[in-house]
Amino acid sequence: MSAIEQYLLDTYRASQQGAPMPPPPGRDDVAVLRSARTYAQARAVMDGGSGRHPWRAALRRILVRPRPC
């Protein structure tokens, strides 16, 4: 059963029982990713590292290359 099918089933059950509707699938995905990133940055600072995002530095190293003169 897909997430959409489960959502529709849960919505139907909630409407039959008078319960609050469930959130649609994928609504909180961005918030979860942001909290995971924040947690990783906090752990890095607590471990004595940099609080900057490691992916940005890696992308900058890959994408921004020195130009030959």
Foldseek 3Di string as FASTA:
>chain_A
DDQQVVLVVQQVVCVVVVHDRDDRPPPCPVVVVVVVLQVVLVVQVVVPHHSDRPVVVVVCPVPDDDDDD
